[in-house]
N, C-alpha and C. Protein backbone atom coordinates (compact mmCIF):
# COMPACT_ATOMS: atom_id res chain seq x y z
N UNK A 1 108.83 111.94 82.73
CA UNK A 1 107.94 111.62 83.91
C UNK A 1 107.99 112.18 85.55
N UNK A 2 106.57 112.21 86.12
CA UNK A 2 106.75 113.18 87.09
C UNK A 2 107.02 111.32 88.32
N UNK A 3 107.59 112.54 89.48
CA UNK A 3 108.46 111.17 90.25
C UNK A 3 107.06 110.85 91.05
N UNK A 4 105.80 111.24 90.87
CA UNK A 4 103.98 110.54 91.26
C UNK A 4 103.67 109.39 90.80
N UNK A 5 103.86 109.71 89.00
CA UNK A 5 103.44 108.49 88.26
C UNK A 5 104.86 107.25 88.16
N UNK A 6 105.71 107.79 88.63
CA UNK A 6 106.57 106.64 89.02
C UNK A 6 106.44 105.82 90.30
N UNK A 7 105.96 106.38 91.38
CA UNK A 7 105.63 105.24 91.97
C UNK A 7 104.09 104.79 92.19
N UNK A 8 103.44 105.49 91.24
CA UNK A 8 101.79 104.82 91.19
C UNK A 8 102.32 103.56 90.20
N UNK A 9 103.34 103.67 89.04
CA UNK A 9 103.45 102.03 87.98
C UNK A 9 104.43 101.39 89.13
N UNK A 10 105.14 101.77 89.87
CA UNK A 10 105.93 100.98 90.64
C UNK A 10 104.81 99.90 91.54
N UNK A 11 104.07 100.73 91.91
CA UNK A 11 102.80 100.31 93.14
C UNK A 11 102.24 99.17 92.31
N UNK A 12 101.84 98.88 91.13
CA UNK A 12 101.11 98.19 89.93
C UNK A 12 101.86 97.05 89.37
N UNK A 13 103.59 97.61 89.83
CA UNK A 13 104.25 96.13 89.30
C UNK A 13 104.24 95.61 90.74
N UNK A 14 104.06 96.00 91.90
CA UNK A 14 104.16 95.23 92.87
C UNK A 14 102.98 94.66 93.33
N UNK A 15 101.21 94.88 92.52
CA UNK A 15 101.00 94.36 92.44
C UNK A 15 100.72 92.93 91.69
N UNK A 16 101.27 93.33 90.35
CA UNK A 16 101.13 92.07 89.60
C UNK A 16 102.54 91.33 89.77
N UNK A 17 103.41 91.46 90.41
CA UNK A 17 104.49 90.78 91.24
C UNK A 17 103.77 89.79 92.32
N UNK A 18 103.02 90.03 93.01
CA UNK A 18 102.62 89.79 94.08
C UNK A 18 101.33 88.51 93.08
N UNK A 19 100.74 88.98 92.49
CA UNK A 19 100.00 87.95 91.56
C UNK A 19 100.31 86.88 90.79
N UNK A 20 101.68 86.86 90.56
CA UNK A 20 102.33 85.99 89.59
C UNK A 20 102.94 85.27 90.36
N UNK A 21 103.16 85.48 92.13
CA UNK A 21 103.98 84.66 93.30
C UNK A 21 102.88 84.21 93.22
N UNK A 22 101.36 84.82 93.73
CA UNK A 22 100.45 83.70 93.65
C UNK A 22 100.12 82.61 92.98
N UNK A 23 100.25 83.24 91.97
CA UNK A 23 100.00 81.49 90.18
C UNK A 23 100.80 80.73 90.95
N UNK A 24 102.09 81.23 91.09
CA UNK A 24 103.36 80.20 90.69
C UNK A 24 103.12 78.91 92.11
N UNK A 25 102.50 79.90 93.34
CA UNK A 25 102.13 79.26 94.69
C UNK A 25 100.75 77.94 94.16
N UNK A 26 99.85 78.30 93.43
CA UNK A 26 98.90 77.66 93.26
C UNK A 26 99.38 76.50 92.16
N UNK A 27 100.56 77.04 91.29
CA UNK A 27 100.43 75.77 90.27
C UNK A 27 101.48 74.88 91.17
N UNK A 28 102.39 75.11 92.11
CA UNK A 28 103.21 74.16 92.57
C UNK A 28 102.36 73.52 93.36
N UNK A 29 101.70 73.86 94.09
CA UNK A 29 100.16 73.06 94.87
C UNK A 29 99.70 72.16 94.27
N UNK A 30 99.12 72.35 93.26
CA UNK A 30 98.57 71.55 92.53
C UNK A 30 99.50 70.38 92.10
N UNK A 31 101.10 70.73 91.59
CA UNK A 31 101.75 69.43 91.07
C UNK A 31 101.79 68.87 92.36
N UNK A 32 102.30 69.72 93.77
CA UNK A 32 102.43 68.17 94.71
C UNK A 32 101.48 67.28 95.37
N UNK A 33 100.13 68.06 95.23
CA UNK A 33 98.93 67.63 95.60
C UNK A 33 98.87 66.23 94.57
N UNK A 34 99.05 65.83 93.47
CA UNK A 34 99.04 64.91 92.84
C UNK A 34 99.52 63.79 93.07
């Protein structure tokens, strides 16, 4: 693996983590509004 490939995959991982964090926030928000 080249350095550039690693950088690209790590940025994709960051995007995934952000999406998961947003999903968690939505879930907890839905639970607290009940």
